[in-house]
PDB file of N, CA and C in Angstrom:
ATOM      1  N   MET A   1     118.458 163.079 127.800  1.00  0.00           N
ATOM      2  CA  MET A   1     117.077 162.776 127.505  1.00  0.00           C
ATOM      3  C   MET A   1     116.472 162.088 128.724  1.00  0.00           C
ATOM      4  N   CYS A   2     115.364 162.596 129.194  1.00  0.00           N
ATOM      5  CA  CYS A   2     114.726 161.987 130.358  1.00  0.00           C
ATOM      6  C   CYS A   2     113.599 161.066 129.925  1.00  0.00           C
ATOM      7  N   ALA A   3     113.096 160.300 130.861  1.00  0.00           N
ATOM      8  CA  ALA A   3     112.062 159.295 130.572  1.00  0.00           C
ATOM      9  C   ALA A   3     110.795 159.928 130.013  1.00  0.00           C
ATOM     10  N   GLN A   4     110.520 161.170 130.362  1.00  0.00           N
ATOM     11  CA  GLN A   4     109.305 161.820 129.882  1.00  0.00           C
ATOM     12  C   GLN A   4     109.380 162.135 128.394  1.00  0.00           C
ATOM     13  N   ASP A   5     110.577 162.246 127.842  1.00  0.00           N
ATOM     14  CA  ASP A   5     110.748 162.570 126.432  1.00  0.00           C
ATOM     15  C   ASP A   5     110.590 161.364 125.512  1.00  0.00           C
ATOM     16  N   GLN A   6     110.644 160.180 126.071  1.00  0.00           N
ATOM     17  CA  GLN A   6     110.564 158.971 125.261  1.00  0.00           C
ATOM     18  C   GLN A   6     109.115 158.512 125.124  1.00  0.00           C
ATOM     19  N   PRO A   7     108.735 158.050 123.924  1.00  0.00           N
ATOM     20  CA  PRO A   7     107.369 157.544 123.758  1.00  0.00           C
ATOM     21  C   PRO A   7     107.190 156.253 124.554  1.00  0.00           C
ATOM     22  N   PRO A   8     105.961 155.949 124.950  1.00  0.00           N
ATOM     23  CA  PRO A   8     105.741 154.700 125.684  1.00  0.00           C
ATOM     24  C   PRO A   8     106.058 153.510 124.783  1.00  0.00           C
ATOM     25  N   PRO A   9     106.457 152.392 125.379  1.00  0.00           N
ATOM     26  CA  PRO A   9     106.778 151.216 124.555  1.00  0.00           C
ATOM     27  C   PRO A   9     105.532 150.732 123.807  1.00  0.00           C
ATOM     28  N   ARG A  10     105.768 150.239 122.615  1.00  0.00           N
ATOM     29  CA  ARG A  10     104.694 149.732 121.778  1.00  0.00           C
ATOM     30  C   ARG A  10     104.197 148.396 122.329  1.00  0.00           C
ATOM     31  N   ALA A  11     102.902 148.178 122.288  1.00  0.00           N
ATOM     32  CA  ALA A  11     102.329 146.896 122.705  1.00  0.00           C
ATOM     33  C   ALA A  11     102.706 145.824 121.688  1.00  0.00           C
ATOM     34  N   SER A  12     102.944 144.610 122.150  1.00  0.00           N
ATOM     35  CA  SER A  12     103.237 143.496 121.243  1.00  0.00           C
ATOM     36  C   SER A  12     101.949 143.054 120.564  1.00  0.00           C
ATOM     37  N   VAL A  13     102.074 142.640 119.303  1.00  0.00           N
ATOM     38  CA  VAL A  13     100.919 142.181 118.532  1.00  0.00           C
ATOM     39  C   VAL A  13     101.146 140.722 118.162  1.00  0.00           C
ATOM     40  N   GLY A  14     100.193 139.894 118.520  1.00  0.00           N
ATOM     41  CA  GLY A  14     100.232 138.491 118.135  1.00  0.00           C
ATOM     42  C   GLY A  14      98.932 138.121 117.448  1.00  0.00           C
ATOM     43  N   ILE A  15      99.010 137.274 116.431  1.00  0.00           N
ATOM     44  CA  ILE A  15      97.800 136.833 115.744  1.00  0.00           C
ATOM     45  C   ILE A  15      97.801 135.315 115.645  1.00  0.00           C
ATOM     46  N   ALA A  16      96.605 134.756 115.654  1.00  0.00           N
ATOM     47  CA  ALA A  16      96.411 133.322 115.458  1.00  0.00           C
ATOM     48  C   ALA A  16      95.526 133.148 114.234  1.00  0.00           C
ATOM     49  N   LEU A  17      96.009 132.434 113.244  1.00  0.00           N
ATOM     50  CA  LEU A  17      95.291 132.262 111.985  1.00  0.00           C
ATOM     51  C   LEU A  17      94.567 130.919 111.991  1.00  0.00           C
ATOM     52  N   SER A  18      93.334 130.936 111.569  1.00  0.00           N
ATOM     53  CA  SER A  18      92.526 129.718 111.573  1.00  0.00           C
ATOM     54  C   SER A  18      92.762 128.879 110.324  1.00  0.00           C
ATOM     55  N   GLY A  19      92.247 127.694 110.348  1.00  0.00           N
ATOM     56  CA  GLY A  19      92.364 126.787 109.214  1.00  0.00           C
ATOM     57  C   GLY A  19      91.082 126.762 108.409  1.00  0.00           C
ATOM     58  N   GLY A  20      90.925 125.713 107.633  1.00  0.00           N
ATOM     59  CA  GLY A  20      89.705 125.566 106.878  1.00  0.00           C
ATOM     60  C   GLY A  20      89.893 125.554 105.377  1.00  0.00           C
ATOM     61  N   GLY A  21      90.984 124.994 104.888  1.00  0.00           N
ATOM     62  CA  GLY A  21      91.169 124.882 103.438  1.00  0.00           C
ATOM     63  C   GLY A  21      91.124 126.225 102.749  1.00  0.00           C
ATOM     64  N   ALA A  22      90.212 126.366 101.806  1.00  0.00           N
ATOM     65  CA  ALA A  22      90.100 127.615 101.041  1.00  0.00           C
ATOM     66  C   ALA A  22      89.776 128.788 101.946  1.00  0.00           C
ATOM     67  N   PHE A  23      88.989 128.553 102.981  1.00  0.00           N
ATOM     68  CA  PHE A  23      88.677 129.647 103.906  1.00  0.00           C
ATOM     69  C   PHE A  23      89.918 130.048 104.691  1.00  0.00           C
ATOM     70  N   GLY A  24      90.818 129.119 104.934  1.00  0.00           N
ATOM     71  CA  GLY A  24      92.071 129.441 105.592  1.00  0.00           C
ATOM     72  C   GLY A  24      92.938 130.356 104.756  1.00  0.00           C
ATOM     73  N   LEU A  25      92.764 130.307 103.447  1.00  0.00           N
ATOM     74  CA  LEU A  25      93.525 131.187 102.564  1.00  0.00           C
ATOM     75  C   LEU A  25      93.128 132.652 102.752  1.00  0.00           C
ATOM     76  N   ALA A  26      91.964 132.875 103.323  1.00  0.00           N
ATOM     77  CA  ALA A  26      91.525 134.249 103.594  1.00  0.00           C
ATOM     78  C   ALA A  26      92.467 134.941 104.567  1.00  0.00           C
ATOM     79  N   GLN A  27      93.275 134.160 105.277  1.00  0.00           N
ATOM     80  CA  GLN A  27      94.217 134.749 106.221  1.00  0.00           C
ATOM     81  C   GLN A  27      95.238 135.637 105.510  1.00  0.00           C
ATOM     82  N   ILE A  28      95.445 135.407 104.229  1.00  0.00           N
ATOM     83  CA  ILE A  28      96.352 136.281 103.465  1.00  0.00           C
ATOM     84  C   ILE A  28      95.810 137.708 103.481  1.00  0.00           C
ATOM     85  N   GLY A  29      94.501 137.844 103.391  1.00  0.00           N
ATOM     86  CA  GLY A  29      93.877 139.163 103.459  1.00  0.00           C
ATOM     87  C   GLY A  29      94.080 139.823 104.808  1.00  0.00           C
ATOM     88  N   VAL A  30      94.087 139.038 105.867  1.00  0.00           N
ATOM     89  CA  VAL A  30      94.343 139.569 107.208  1.00  0.00           C
ATOM     90  C   VAL A  30      95.762 140.138 107.265  1.00  0.00           C
ATOM     91  N   LEU A  31      96.710 139.381 106.727  1.00  0.00           N
ATOM     92  CA  LEU A  31      98.094 139.852 106.717  1.00  0.00           C
ATOM     93  C   LEU A  31      98.242 141.128 105.883  1.00  0.00           C
ATOM     94  N   LYS A  32      97.518 141.180 104.755  1.00  0.00           N
ATOM     95  CA  LYS A  32      97.543 142.390 103.914  1.00  0.00           C
ATOM     96  C   LYS A  32      97.031 143.599 104.698  1.00  0.00           C
ATOM     97  N   TYR A  33      95.942 143.392 105.442  1.00  0.00           N
ATOM     98  CA  TYR A  33      95.370 144.482 106.231  1.00  0.00           C
ATOM     99  C   TYR A  33      96.395 145.024 107.216  1.00  0.00           C
ATOM    100  N   PHE A  34      97.044 144.126 107.933  1.00  0.00           N
ATOM    101  CA  PHE A  34      98.050 144.555 108.900  1.00  0.00           C
ATOM    102  C   PHE A  34      99.169 145.341 108.215  1.00  0.00           C
ATOM    103  N   GLU A  35      99.648 144.855 107.089  1.00  0.00           N
ATOM    104  CA  GLU A  35     100.719 145.557 106.383  1.00  0.00           C
ATOM    105  C   GLU A  35     100.247 146.905 105.839  1.00  0.00           C
ATOM    106  N   ASP A  36      99.051 146.930 105.248  1.00  0.00           N
ATOM    107  CA  ASP A  36      98.524 148.179 104.689  1.00  0.00           C
ATOM    108  C   ASP A  36      98.346 149.254 105.756  1.00  0.00           C
ATOM    109  N   HIS A  37      98.081 148.830 106.994  1.00  0.00           N
ATOM    110  CA  HIS A  37      97.859 149.778 108.092  1.00  0.00           C
ATOM    111  C   HIS A  37      99.081 149.911 109.000  1.00  0.00           C
ATOM    112  N   HIS A  38     100.220 149.394 108.523  1.00  0.00           N
ATOM    113  CA  HIS A  38     101.502 149.523 109.227  1.00  0.00           C
ATOM    114  C   HIS A  38     101.430 149.007 110.666  1.00  0.00           C
ATOM    115  N   ILE A  39     100.768 147.871 110.837  1.00  0.00           N
ATOM    116  CA  ILE A  39     100.679 147.227 112.145  1.00  0.00           C
ATOM    117  C   ILE A  39     101.686 146.069 112.154  1.00  0.00           C
ATOM    118  N   PRO A  40     102.747 146.207 112.921  1.00  0.00           N
ATOM    119  CA  PRO A  40     103.751 145.135 112.939  1.00  0.00           C
ATOM    120  C   PRO A  40     103.239 143.913 113.692  1.00  0.00           C
ATOM    121  N   ILE A  41     103.625 142.745 113.231  1.00  0.00           N
ATOM    122  CA  ILE A  41     103.236 141.489 113.870  1.00  0.00           C
ATOM    123  C   ILE A  41     104.472 140.931 114.567  1.00  0.00           C
ATOM    124  N   ASP A  42     104.348 140.743 115.884  1.00  0.00           N
ATOM    125  CA  ASP A  42     105.462 140.236 116.670  1.00  0.00           C
ATOM    126  C   ASP A  42     105.414 138.723 116.831  1.00  0.00           C
ATOM    127  N   TYR A  43     104.212 138.176 116.917  1.00  0.00           N
ATOM    128  CA  TYR A  43     104.021 136.744 117.120  1.00  0.00           C
ATOM    129  C   TYR A  43     102.947 136.259 116.163  1.00  0.00           C
ATOM    130  N   ILE A  44     103.165 135.102 115.571  1.00  0.00           N
ATOM    131  CA  ILE A  44     102.170 134.560 114.640  1.00  0.00           C
ATOM    132  C   ILE A  44     102.062 133.057 114.856  1.00  0.00           C
ATOM    133  N   GLY A  45     100.843 132.583 114.857  1.00  0.00           N
ATOM    134  CA  GLY A  45     100.587 131.153 114.987  1.00  0.00           C
ATOM    135  C   GLY A  45      99.369 130.805 114.169  1.00  0.00           C
ATOM    136  N   GLY A  46      99.154 129.547 113.947  1.00  0.00           N
ATOM    137  CA  GLY A  46      97.987 129.151 113.181  1.00  0.00           C
ATOM    138  C   GLY A  46      97.791 127.657 113.208  1.00  0.00           C
ATOM    139  N   THR A  47      96.644 127.252 112.699  1.00  0.00           N
ATOM    140  CA  THR A  47      96.319 125.844 112.607  1.00  0.00           C
ATOM    141  C   THR A  47      95.958 125.511 111.173  1.00  0.00           C
ATOM    142  N   SER A  48      96.350 124.352 110.722  1.00  0.00           N
ATOM    143  CA  SER A  48      96.033 123.876 109.387  1.00  0.00           C
ATOM    144  C   SER A  48      96.493 124.896 108.338  1.00  0.00           C
ATOM    145  N   MET A  49      95.608 125.338 107.463  1.00  0.00           N
ATOM    146  CA  MET A  49      96.000 126.283 106.419  1.00  0.00           C
ATOM    147  C   MET A  49      96.532 127.583 107.011  1.00  0.00           C
ATOM    148  N   GLY A  50      95.967 128.036 108.119  1.00  0.00           N
ATOM    149  CA  GLY A  50      96.462 129.241 108.779  1.00  0.00           C
ATOM    150  C   GLY A  50      97.893 129.069 109.264  1.00  0.00           C
ATOM    151  N   GLY A  51      98.243 127.857 109.691  1.00  0.00           N
ATOM    152  CA  GLY A  51      99.607 127.567 110.102  1.00  0.00           C
ATOM    153  C   GLY A  51     100.575 127.643 108.935  1.00  0.00           C
ATOM    154  N   LEU A  52     100.129 127.136 107.785  1.00  0.00           N
ATOM    155  CA  LEU A  52     100.970 127.216 106.588  1.00  0.00           C
ATOM    156  C   LEU A  52     101.174 128.663 106.161  1.00  0.00           C
ATOM    157  N   ILE A  53     100.080 129.407 106.101  1.00  0.00           N
ATOM    158  CA  ILE A  53     100.164 130.813 105.699  1.00  0.00           C
ATOM    159  C   ILE A  53     101.045 131.585 106.683  1.00  0.00           C
ATOM    160  N   GLY A  54     100.825 131.377 107.981  1.00  0.00           N
ATOM    161  CA  GLY A  54     101.619 132.058 108.999  1.00  0.00           C
ATOM    162  C   GLY A  54     103.086 131.681 108.926  1.00  0.00           C
ATOM    163  N   GLY A  55     103.362 130.406 108.670  1.00  0.00           N
ATOM    164  CA  GLY A  55     104.743 129.953 108.561  1.00  0.00           C
ATOM    165  C   GLY A  55     105.456 130.568 107.374  1.00  0.00           C
ATOM    166  N   PHE A  56     104.775 130.594 106.236  1.00  0.00           N
ATOM    167  CA  PHE A  56     105.374 131.217 105.052  1.00  0.00           C
ATOM    168  C   PHE A  56     105.605 132.710 105.285  1.00  0.00           C
ATOM    169  N   TYR A  57     104.643 133.360 105.919  1.00  0.00           N
ATOM    170  CA  TYR A  57     104.783 134.792 106.205  1.00  0.00           C
ATOM    171  C   TYR A  57     105.959 135.031 107.148  1.00  0.00           C
ATOM    172  N   ALA A  58     106.113 134.156 108.138  1.00  0.00           N
ATOM    173  CA  ALA A  58     107.203 134.300 109.109  1.00  0.00           C
ATOM    174  C   ALA A  58     108.576 134.133 108.459  1.00  0.00           C
ATOM    175  N   THR A  59     108.631 133.424 107.331  1.00  0.00           N
ATOM    176  CA  THR A  59     109.914 133.272 106.638  1.00  0.00           C
ATOM    177  C   THR A  59     110.268 134.493 105.800  1.00  0.00           C
ATOM    178  N   GLY A  60     109.330 135.436 105.673  1.00  0.00           N
ATOM    179  CA  GLY A  60     109.619 136.665 104.946  1.00  0.00           C
ATOM    180  C   GLY A  60     108.814 136.876 103.677  1.00  0.00           C
ATOM    181  N   LEU A  61     107.965 135.909 103.316  1.00  0.00           N
ATOM    182  CA  LEU A  61     107.121 136.121 102.131  1.00  0.00           C
ATOM    183  C   LEU A  61     106.081 137.192 102.429  1.00  0.00           C
ATOM    184  N   THR A  62     105.811 138.031 101.453  1.00  0.00           N
ATOM    185  CA  THR A  62     104.793 139.069 101.607  1.00  0.00           C
ATOM    186  C   THR A  62     103.419 138.480 101.272  1.00  0.00           C
ATOM    187  N   PRO A  63     102.343 139.132 101.703  1.00  0.00           N
ATOM    188  CA  PRO A  63     101.015 138.656 101.327  1.00  0.00           C
ATOM    189  C   PRO A  63     100.832 138.566  99.805  1.00  0.00           C
ATOM    190  N   SER A  64     101.413 139.499  99.058  1.00  0.00           N
ATOM    191  CA  SER A  64     101.312 139.448  97.597  1.00  0.00           C
ATOM    192  C   SER A  64     102.007 138.212  97.036  1.00  0.00           C
ATOM    193  N   GLU A  65     103.166 137.880  97.600  1.00  0.00           N
ATOM    194  CA  GLU A  65     103.874 136.674  97.161  1.00  0.00           C
ATOM    195  C   GLU A  65     103.082 135.418  97.518  1.00  0.00           C
ATOM    196  N   LEU A  66     102.448 135.430  98.680  1.00  0.00           N
ATOM    197  CA  LEU A  66     101.614 134.295  99.078  1.00  0.00           C
ATOM    198  C   LEU A  66     100.436 134.118  98.121  1.00  0.00           C
ATOM    199  N   GLU A  67      99.806 135.226  97.744  1.00  0.00           N
ATOM    200  CA  GLU A  67      98.704 135.152  96.783  1.00  0.00           C
ATOM    201  C   GLU A  67      99.157 134.542  95.464  1.00  0.00           C
ATOM    202  N   GLU A  68     100.315 134.931  95.006  1.00  0.00           N
ATOM    203  CA  GLU A  68     100.829 134.401  93.741  1.00  0.00           C
ATOM    204  C   GLU A  68     101.084 132.902  93.839  1.00  0.00           C
ATOM    205  N   ILE A  69     101.635 132.453  94.938  1.00  0.00           N
ATOM    206  CA  ILE A  69     101.853 131.020  95.140  1.00  0.00           C
ATOM    207  C   ILE A  69     100.528 130.271  95.128  1.00  0.00           C
ATOM    208  N   VAL A  70      99.542 130.811  95.817  1.00  0.00           N
ATOM    209  CA  VAL A  70      98.218 130.170  95.854  1.00  0.00           C
ATOM    210  C   VAL A  70      97.624 130.100  94.456  1.00  0.00           C
ATOM    211  N   ARG A  71      97.737 131.157  93.688  1.00  0.00           N
ATOM    212  CA  ARG A  71      97.188 131.172  92.320  1.00  0.00           C
ATOM    213  C   ARG A  71      97.866 130.133  91.430  1.00  0.00           C
ATOM    214  N   GLN A  72      99.131 129.890  91.651  1.00  0.00           N
ATOM    215  CA  GLN A  72      99.852 128.905  90.844  1.00  0.00           C
ATOM    216  C   GLN A  72      99.378 127.485  91.130  1.00  0.00           C
ATOM    217  N   PHE A  73      99.084 127.208  92.395  1.00  0.00           N
ATOM    218  CA  PHE A  73      98.746 125.840  92.780  1.00  0.00           C
ATOM    219  C   PHE A  73      97.251 125.593  92.937  1.00  0.00           C
ATOM    220  N   TRP A  74      96.472 126.667  93.042  1.00  0.00           N
ATOM    221  CA  TRP A  74      95.040 126.530  93.252  1.00  0.00           C
ATOM    222  C   TRP A  74      94.351 127.621  92.446  1.00  0.00           C
ATOM    223  N   PRO A  75      94.029 127.336  91.178  1.00  0.00           N
ATOM    224  CA  PRO A  75      93.425 128.368  90.322  1.00  0.00           C
ATOM    225  C   PRO A  75      92.170 128.969  90.957  1.00  0.00           C
ATOM    226  N   VAL A  76      92.043 130.281  90.803  1.00  0.00           N
ATOM    227  CA  VAL A  76      90.920 131.003  91.401  1.00  0.00           C
ATOM    228  C   VAL A  76      89.591 130.428  90.944  1.00  0.00           C
ATOM    229  N   SER A  77      89.499 129.971  89.702  1.00  0.00           N
ATOM    230  CA  SER A  77      88.230 129.444  89.197  1.00  0.00           C
ATOM    231  C   SER A  77      87.795 128.195  89.958  1.00  0.00           C
ATOM    232  N   GLY A  78      88.726 127.511  90.617  1.00  0.00           N
ATOM    233  CA  GLY A  78      88.372 126.304  91.358  1.00  0.00           C
ATOM    234  C   GLY A  78      88.028 126.546  92.805  1.00  0.00           C
ATOM    235  N   VAL A  79      88.134 127.786  93.265  1.00  0.00           N
ATOM    236  CA  VAL A  79      87.866 128.110  94.665  1.00  0.00           C
ATOM    237  C   VAL A  79      86.527 128.821  94.752  1.00  0.00           C
ATOM    238  N   THR A  80      85.690 128.368  95.644  1.00  0.00           N
ATOM    239  CA  THR A  80      84.402 129.017  95.835  1.00  0.00           C
ATOM    240  C   THR A  80      84.339 129.619  97.230  1.00  0.00           C
ATOM    241  N   ALA A  81      83.752 130.779  97.341  1.00  0.00           N
ATOM    242  CA  ALA A  81      83.614 131.434  98.640  1.00  0.00           C
ATOM    243  C   ALA A  81      82.342 130.999  99.349  1.00  0.00           C
ATOM    244  N   GLN A  82      81.510 130.231  98.685  1.00  0.00           N
ATOM    245  CA  GLN A  82      80.240 129.783  99.255  1.00  0.00           C
ATOM    246  C   GLN A  82      80.371 128.325  99.692  1.00  0.00           C
ATOM    247  N   PRO A  83      80.247 128.058 100.991  1.00  0.00           N
ATOM    248  CA  PRO A  83      80.330 126.661 101.423  1.00  0.00           C
ATOM    249  C   PRO A  83      79.161 125.851 100.887  1.00  0.00           C
ATOM    250  N   GLN A  84      79.394 124.597 100.635  1.00  0.00           N
ATOM    251  CA  GLN A  84      78.353 123.725 100.073  1.00  0.00           C
ATOM    252  C   GLN A  84      77.137 123.620 100.989  1.00  0.00           C
ATOM    253  N   HIS A  85      77.343 123.714 102.280  1.00  0.00           N
ATOM    254  CA  HIS A  85      76.259 123.568 103.245  1.00  0.00           C
ATOM    255  C   HIS A  85      75.547 124.882 103.569  1.00  0.00           C
ATOM    256  N   ALA A  86      75.883 125.968 102.893  1.00  0.00           N
ATOM    257  CA  ALA A  86      75.320 127.275 103.213  1.00  0.00           C
ATOM    258  C   ALA A  86      73.803 127.305 103.040  1.00  0.00           C
ATOM    259  N   SER A  87      73.264 126.484 102.136  1.00  0.00           N
ATOM    260  CA  SER A  87      71.819 126.502 101.904  1.00  0.00           C
ATOM    261  C   SER A  87      71.028 126.065 103.139  1.00  0.00           C
ATOM    262  N   VAL A  88      71.667 125.363 104.053  1.00  0.00           N
ATOM    263  CA  VAL A  88      71.004 124.925 105.275  1.00  0.00           C
ATOM    264  C   VAL A  88      70.578 126.130 106.100  1.00  0.00           C
ATOM    265  N   PHE A  89      71.342 127.223 106.012  1.00  0.00           N
ATOM    266  CA  PHE A  89      71.095 128.399 106.827  1.00  0.00           C
ATOM    267  C   PHE A  89      70.218 129.433 106.124  1.00  0.00           C
ATOM    268  N   GLN A  90      69.847 129.189 104.887  1.00  0.00           N
ATOM    269  CA  GLN A  90      69.010 130.142 104.160  1.00  0.00           C
ATOM    270  C   GLN A  90      67.548 129.788 104.363  1.00  0.00           C
ATOM    271  N   SER A  91      66.733 130.817 104.552  1.00  0.00           N
ATOM    272  CA  SER A  91      65.302 130.571 104.708  1.00  0.00           C
ATOM    273  C   SER A  91      64.614 130.647 103.371  1.00  0.00           C
ATOM    274  N   GLY A  92      63.499 129.970 103.297  1.00  0.00           N
ATOM    275  CA  GLY A  92      62.702 130.144 102.104  1.00  0.00           C
ATOM    276  C   GLY A  92      62.627 129.009 101.243  1.00  0.00           C
TER     277      GLY A  92
END
């Protein structure tokens, strides 16, 4: 087999996950996207909540397992996707 027959090496993929409490939990969706599209993650880092999510993922937990853990400790009804200060940016 010669070098021309081999596919080029795959580029390494690294992600950095942000923090922000409940907004940091959105990083689980990022991990789901990568898995759903078969994009392997070679390096992962994060800050605050993103660091926790990234660390758990690096230990082998799947995004679905992470979601279940979050639901157990932080009921969905208590999480809001609208920041309290969002009205500052609305006109009218």
